[in-house]
C-alpha atoms as a PDB file:
ATOM      1  CA  MET A   1       1.282 -32.844   0.788  1.00  0.00           C
ATOM      2  CA  PRO A   2      -0.208 -29.270   0.534  1.00  0.00           C
ATOM      3  CA  ARG A   3       2.081 -26.485  -0.090  1.00  0.00           C
ATOM      4  CA  PRO A   4       2.039 -23.120   1.802  1.00  0.00           C
ATOM      5  CA  VAL A   5       0.406 -20.387  -0.118  1.00  0.00           C
ATOM      6  CA  LEU A   6       1.432 -16.630   0.135  1.00  0.00           C
ATOM      7  CA  LEU A   7      -1.214 -14.127  -0.988  1.00  0.00           C
ATOM      8  CA  PHE A   8      -0.540 -10.365  -1.693  1.00  0.00           C
ATOM      9  CA  ASP A   9      -3.725  -8.272  -1.953  1.00  0.00           C
ATOM     10  CA  LEU A  10      -2.263  -4.961  -3.158  1.00  0.00           C
ATOM     11  CA  ASP A  11      -5.450  -3.851  -4.709  1.00  0.00           C
ATOM     12  CA  GLY A  12      -7.713  -3.719  -1.733  1.00  0.00           C
ATOM     13  CA  THR A  13     -10.064  -6.324  -2.819  1.00  0.00           C
ATOM     14  CA  LEU A  14      -9.709  -8.339   0.533  1.00  0.00           C
ATOM     15  CA  ALA A  15      -8.255  -5.681   2.833  1.00  0.00           C
ATOM     16  CA  ASP A  16      -8.001  -1.975   3.067  1.00  0.00           C
ATOM     17  CA  THR A  17      -4.285  -1.545   2.936  1.00  0.00           C
ATOM     18  CA  ALA A  18      -4.140   1.940   1.443  1.00  0.00           C
ATOM     19  CA  ALA A  19      -2.796   3.434   4.857  1.00  0.00           C
ATOM     20  CA  ASP A  20      -0.075   0.822   4.902  1.00  0.00           C
ATOM     21  CA  LEU A  21       0.921   1.455   1.470  1.00  0.00           C
ATOM     22  CA  CYS A  22       0.989   5.186   1.997  1.00  0.00           C
ATOM     23  CA  GLU A  23       3.254   4.795   5.117  1.00  0.00           C
ATOM     24  CA  THR A  24       5.611   2.655   3.036  1.00  0.00           C
ATOM     25  CA  THR A  25       5.577   5.376   0.328  1.00  0.00           C
ATOM     26  CA  ASN A  26       6.423   7.969   2.968  1.00  0.00           C
ATOM     27  CA  VAL A  27       9.183   6.051   4.557  1.00  0.00           C
ATOM     28  CA  ILE A  28      10.699   5.777   0.998  1.00  0.00           C
ATOM     29  CA  LEU A  29      10.049   9.324   0.223  1.00  0.00           C
ATOM     30  CA  GLU A  30      11.841  10.295   3.506  1.00  0.00           C
ATOM     31  CA  MET A  31      14.835   8.180   2.908  1.00  0.00           C
ATOM     32  CA  HIS A  32      15.389  10.115  -0.263  1.00  0.00           C
ATOM     33  CA  GLY A  33      14.785  13.605   1.490  1.00  0.00           C
ATOM     34  CA  ARG A  34      11.555  14.062  -0.009  1.00  0.00           C
ATOM     35  CA  THR A  35       8.340  15.371   1.620  1.00  0.00           C
ATOM     36  CA  ARG A  36       5.861  13.031   2.998  1.00  0.00           C
ATOM     37  CA  VAL A  37       2.463  12.759   1.277  1.00  0.00           C
ATOM     38  CA  PRO A  38      -0.941  12.632   3.059  1.00  0.00           C
ATOM     39  CA  GLU A  39      -3.025   9.397   2.780  1.00  0.00           C
ATOM     40  CA  ALA A  40      -5.847  11.199   1.030  1.00  0.00           C
ATOM     41  CA  ARG A  41      -3.331  11.851  -1.894  1.00  0.00           C
ATOM     42  CA  VAL A  42      -2.261   8.104  -2.050  1.00  0.00           C
ATOM     43  CA  ARG A  43      -5.747   6.501  -1.304  1.00  0.00           C
ATOM     44  CA  HIS A  44      -7.179   7.319  -4.903  1.00  0.00           C
ATOM     45  CA  LEU A  45      -4.192   5.436  -6.557  1.00  0.00           C
ATOM     46  CA  VAL A  46      -4.723   2.273  -4.544  1.00  0.00           C
ATOM     47  CA  GLY A  47      -7.806   0.143  -3.881  1.00  0.00           C
ATOM     48  CA  GLY A  48     -11.169  -0.399  -5.462  1.00  0.00           C
ATOM     49  CA  GLY A  49     -10.118  -3.860  -6.778  1.00  0.00           C
ATOM     50  CA  ALA A  50     -10.237  -4.906 -10.287  1.00  0.00           C
END
């Protein structure tokens, strides 16, 4: 019987998730009273794959 598979693509190899990761970062920053950061500032930190 095949088992279900759960795949996380956090480095952007399969999907461009930088905008989602940026929004998640901003939600957490706001929860701690910090200022949101623009996507351009986060995008260089994620993506590009291995």
